[in-house]
Amino acid sequence: MRETTVQFSTDREEELVGLLKKTGMKLSGAKILVFLLKAGEAPMRRIERETDLRQGEVCYGMKELDTRGWIRRRTKQLAPRGRPDTIVALSTPAGKIIDSIEEMILKQGEDRLRQIRSAKRSIKGITE
């Protein structure tokens, strides 16, 4: 795998990370997702380095993305000696990821609306 440097943390990427956080994603998951959208695939160590996240934060963010089924991992020996590295890539196209976030937000909104309507009925029952 040829490694190219991906310039991370441009204004546009920071804006996208912020928008993803507003949807309920954790900061680490949002940063990794944006990084992988641009990089395609990368070893865990590179993700740590270029997103400025610690190893534990990367693992935590990966867990969020993995739970949603958005990434795939494989192991590869990158150096002749030493421990193999985990290579991570998106397993879901960006459009489908955004669609699933949209569906989740709509469902959350519907749930909240149901709760508000239920509270409204309860208040009417108490005050009448």
C-alpha atoms as a PDB file:
ATOM      1  CA  MET A   1       0.000   0.000   0.000  1.00  0.00           C
ATOM      2  CA  ARG A   2       1.381   3.366  -0.997  1.00  0.00           C
ATOM      3  CA  GLU A   3       1.050   5.932   1.762  1.00  0.00           C
ATOM      4  CA  THR A   4       0.305   9.471   0.789  1.00  0.00           C
ATOM      5  CA  THR A   5      -0.067  12.269   3.254  1.00  0.00           C
ATOM      6  CA  VAL A   6      -3.621  13.455   3.676  1.00  0.00           C
ATOM      7  CA  GLN A   7      -3.935  17.036   4.824  1.00  0.00           C
ATOM      8  CA  PHE A   8      -6.400  16.780   7.676  1.00  0.00           C
ATOM      9  CA  SER A   9      -8.161  19.519   9.576  1.00  0.00           C
ATOM     10  CA  THR A  10      -8.901  21.884   6.754  1.00  0.00           C
ATOM     11  CA  ASP A  11     -11.811  24.214   7.493  1.00  0.00           C
ATOM     12  CA  ARG A  12     -14.139  22.038   5.416  1.00  0.00           C
ATOM     13  CA  GLU A  13     -13.154  18.852   7.274  1.00  0.00           C
ATOM     14  CA  GLU A  14     -13.461  20.560  10.657  1.00  0.00           C
ATOM     15  CA  GLU A  15     -16.921  21.781   9.646  1.00  0.00           C
ATOM     16  CA  LEU A  16     -17.949  18.241   8.653  1.00  0.00           C
ATOM     17  CA  VAL A  17     -16.619  16.838  11.934  1.00  0.00           C
ATOM     18  CA  GLY A  18     -18.691  19.451  13.785  1.00  0.00           C
ATOM     19  CA  LEU A  19     -21.817  18.586  11.795  1.00  0.00           C
ATOM     20  CA  LEU A  20     -21.335  14.872  12.461  1.00  0.00           C
ATOM     21  CA  LYS A  21     -20.941  15.585  16.183  1.00  0.00           C
ATOM     22  CA  LYS A  22     -24.257  17.464  16.114  1.00  0.00           C
ATOM     23  CA  THR A  23     -25.904  14.293  14.790  1.00  0.00           C
ATOM     24  CA  GLY A  24     -24.778  12.449  17.913  1.00  0.00           C
ATOM     25  CA  MET A  25     -21.493  10.975  16.770  1.00  0.00           C
ATOM     26  CA  LYS A  26     -18.546  11.035  19.144  1.00  0.00           C
ATOM     27  CA  LEU A  27     -15.645  13.337  18.221  1.00  0.00           C
ATOM     28  CA  SER A  28     -13.231  10.456  17.623  1.00  0.00           C
ATOM     29  CA  GLY A  29     -15.668   8.590  15.357  1.00  0.00           C
ATOM     30  CA  ALA A  30     -16.426  11.761  13.392  1.00  0.00           C
ATOM     31  CA  LYS A  31     -12.719  12.577  12.911  1.00  0.00           C
ATOM     32  CA  ILE A  32     -11.913   9.040  11.770  1.00  0.00           C
ATOM     33  CA  LEU A  33     -14.879   8.961   9.393  1.00  0.00           C
ATOM     34  CA  VAL A  34     -13.871  12.261   7.773  1.00  0.00           C
ATOM     35  CA  PHE A  35     -10.255  11.094   7.546  1.00  0.00           C
ATOM     36  CA  LEU A  36     -11.243   7.808   5.876  1.00  0.00           C
ATOM     37  CA  LEU A  37     -13.563   9.598   3.461  1.00  0.00           C
ATOM     38  CA  LYS A  38     -10.509  11.466   2.205  1.00  0.00           C
ATOM     39  CA  ALA A  39      -7.770   8.843   2.627  1.00  0.00           C
ATOM     40  CA  GLY A  40      -9.663   5.759   1.496  1.00  0.00           C
ATOM     41  CA  GLU A  41      -7.812   3.369   3.766  1.00  0.00           C
ATOM     42  CA  ALA A  42      -5.015   3.719   6.296  1.00  0.00           C
ATOM     43  CA  PRO A  43      -3.117   1.876   9.021  1.00  0.00           C
ATOM     44  CA  MET A  44      -4.264   2.550  12.580  1.00  0.00           C
ATOM     45  CA  ARG A  45      -0.976   4.298  13.418  1.00  0.00           C
ATOM     46  CA  ARG A  46      -1.428   6.725  10.536  1.00  0.00           C
ATOM     47  CA  ILE A  47      -5.004   7.436  11.623  1.00  0.00           C
ATOM     48  CA  GLU A  48      -3.700   8.248  15.125  1.00  0.00           C
ATOM     49  CA  ARG A  49      -1.003  10.524  13.758  1.00  0.00           C
ATOM     50  CA  GLU A  50      -3.022  12.419  11.154  1.00  0.00           C
ATOM     51  CA  THR A  51      -6.220  12.866  13.181  1.00  0.00           C
ATOM     52  CA  ASP A  52      -4.278  13.838  16.307  1.00  0.00           C
ATOM     53  CA  LEU A  53      -6.090  11.189  18.350  1.00  0.00           C
ATOM     54  CA  ARG A  54      -4.493   8.913  20.937  1.00  0.00           C
ATOM     55  CA  GLN A  55      -4.574   5.139  20.447  1.00  0.00           C
ATOM     56  CA  GLY A  56      -7.444   4.708  22.910  1.00  0.00           C
ATOM     57  CA  GLU A  57      -9.466   7.430  21.200  1.00  0.00           C
ATOM     58  CA  VAL A  58      -8.913   5.790  17.814  1.00  0.00           C
ATOM     59  CA  CYS A  59     -10.059   2.430  19.218  1.00  0.00           C
ATOM     60  CA  TYR A  60     -13.134   4.095  20.726  1.00  0.00           C
ATOM     61  CA  GLY A  61     -13.961   5.853  17.450  1.00  0.00           C
ATOM     62  CA  MET A  62     -13.391   2.653  15.459  1.00  0.00           C
ATOM     63  CA  LYS A  63     -15.813   0.833  17.727  1.00  0.00           C
ATOM     64  CA  GLU A  64     -18.514   3.410  16.927  1.00  0.00           C
ATOM     65  CA  LEU A  65     -17.915   3.094  13.169  1.00  0.00           C
ATOM     66  CA  ASP A  66     -17.676  -0.695  13.392  1.00  0.00           C
ATOM     67  CA  THR A  67     -20.969  -0.921  15.323  1.00  0.00           C
ATOM     68  CA  ARG A  68     -22.648   0.979  12.506  1.00  0.00           C
ATOM     69  CA  GLY A  69     -21.080  -1.390   9.948  1.00  0.00           C
ATOM     70  CA  TRP A  70     -19.235   1.376   8.139  1.00  0.00           C
ATOM     71  CA  ILE A  71     -15.652   0.065   8.241  1.00  0.00           C
ATOM     72  CA  ARG A  72     -13.670  -3.046   7.485  1.00  0.00           C
ATOM     73  CA  ARG A  73     -10.319  -4.037   8.917  1.00  0.00           C
ATOM     74  CA  ARG A  74      -7.505  -6.249   7.727  1.00  0.00           C
ATOM     75  CA  THR A  75      -4.090  -7.030   9.097  1.00  0.00           C
ATOM     76  CA  LYS A  76      -0.958  -6.386   7.063  1.00  0.00           C
ATOM     77  CA  GLN A  77       2.743  -6.636   7.773  1.00  0.00           C
ATOM     78  CA  LEU A  78       3.997  -3.154   6.850  1.00  0.00           C
ATOM     79  CA  ALA A  79       7.626  -3.621   7.882  1.00  0.00           C
ATOM     80  CA  PRO A  80       9.889  -6.677   7.461  1.00  0.00           C
ATOM     81  CA  ARG A  81      10.017  -7.106  11.225  1.00  0.00           C
ATOM     82  CA  GLY A  82       7.748  -6.150  14.039  1.00  0.00           C
ATOM     83  CA  ARG A  83       4.081  -6.273  14.712  1.00  0.00           C
ATOM     84  CA  PRO A  84       1.598  -6.245  11.826  1.00  0.00           C
ATOM     85  CA  ASP A  85      -0.670  -3.225  11.578  1.00  0.00           C
ATOM     86  CA  THR A  86      -4.414  -3.052  11.166  1.00  0.00           C
ATOM     87  CA  ILE A  87      -5.520  -1.377   7.963  1.00  0.00           C
ATOM     88  CA  VAL A  88      -8.924   0.302   8.133  1.00  0.00           C
ATOM     89  CA  ALA A  89     -11.158   1.329   5.234  1.00  0.00           C
ATOM     90  CA  LEU A  90     -14.754   2.342   4.790  1.00  0.00           C
ATOM     91  CA  SER A  91     -16.980  -0.573   3.819  1.00  0.00           C
ATOM     92  CA  THR A  92     -19.953   1.669   3.052  1.00  0.00           C
ATOM     93  CA  PRO A  93     -20.079   4.431   0.430  1.00  0.00           C
ATOM     94  CA  ALA A  94     -20.256   7.998   1.766  1.00  0.00           C
ATOM     95  CA  GLY A  95     -23.763   8.533   0.400  1.00  0.00           C
ATOM     96  CA  LYS A  96     -25.118   5.506   2.236  1.00  0.00           C
ATOM     97  CA  ILE A  97     -23.420   6.623   5.453  1.00  0.00           C
ATOM     98  CA  ILE A  98     -25.118  10.015   5.196  1.00  0.00           C
ATOM     99  CA  ASP A  99     -28.442   8.320   4.379  1.00  0.00           C
ATOM    100  CA  SER A 100     -28.183   6.136   7.477  1.00  0.00           C
ATOM    101  CA  ILE A 101     -27.340   9.167   9.649  1.00  0.00           C
ATOM    102  CA  GLU A 102     -30.381  10.942   8.189  1.00  0.00           C
ATOM    103  CA  GLU A 103     -32.619   7.940   8.952  1.00  0.00           C
ATOM    104  CA  MET A 104     -31.306   7.801  12.511  1.00  0.00           C
ATOM    105  CA  ILE A 105     -31.945  11.535  13.039  1.00  0.00           C
ATOM    106  CA  LEU A 106     -35.481  11.259  11.636  1.00  0.00           C
ATOM    107  CA  LYS A 107     -36.223   8.295  13.910  1.00  0.00           C
ATOM    108  CA  GLN A 108     -34.876  10.176  16.928  1.00  0.00           C
ATOM    109  CA  GLY A 109     -37.039  13.166  15.997  1.00  0.00           C
ATOM    110  CA  GLU A 110     -40.131  10.964  15.695  1.00  0.00           C
ATOM    111  CA  ASP A 111     -39.374   9.374  19.078  1.00  0.00           C
ATOM    112  CA  ARG A 112     -38.992  12.791  20.718  1.00  0.00           C
ATOM    113  CA  LEU A 113     -42.204  14.022  19.129  1.00  0.00           C
ATOM    114  CA  ARG A 114     -44.057  10.960  20.495  1.00  0.00           C
ATOM    115  CA  GLN A 115     -42.631  11.666  23.959  1.00  0.00           C
ATOM    116  CA  ILE A 116     -43.718  15.310  23.809  1.00  0.00           C
ATOM    117  CA  ARG A 117     -47.225  14.334  22.696  1.00  0.00           C
ATOM    118  CA  SER A 118     -47.428  11.803  25.520  1.00  0.00           C
ATOM    119  CA  ALA A 119     -46.329  14.438  28.038  1.00  0.00           C
ATOM    120  CA  LYS A 120     -48.885  16.838  26.592  1.00  0.00           C
ATOM    121  CA  ARG A 121     -51.680  14.253  27.099  1.00  0.00           C
ATOM    122  CA  SER A 122     -50.475  13.626  30.657  1.00  0.00           C
ATOM    123  CA  ILE A 123     -50.459  17.330  31.459  1.00  0.00           C
ATOM    124  CA  LYS A 124     -53.997  17.702  30.086  1.00  0.00           C
ATOM    125  CA  GLY A 125     -55.125  14.762  32.239  1.00  0.00           C
ATOM    126  CA  ILE A 126     -53.647  16.347  35.359  1.00  0.00           C
ATOM    127  CA  THR A 127     -54.890  19.893  34.769  1.00  0.00           C
ATOM    128  CA  GLU A 128     -58.445  19.033  33.714  1.00  0.00           C
END
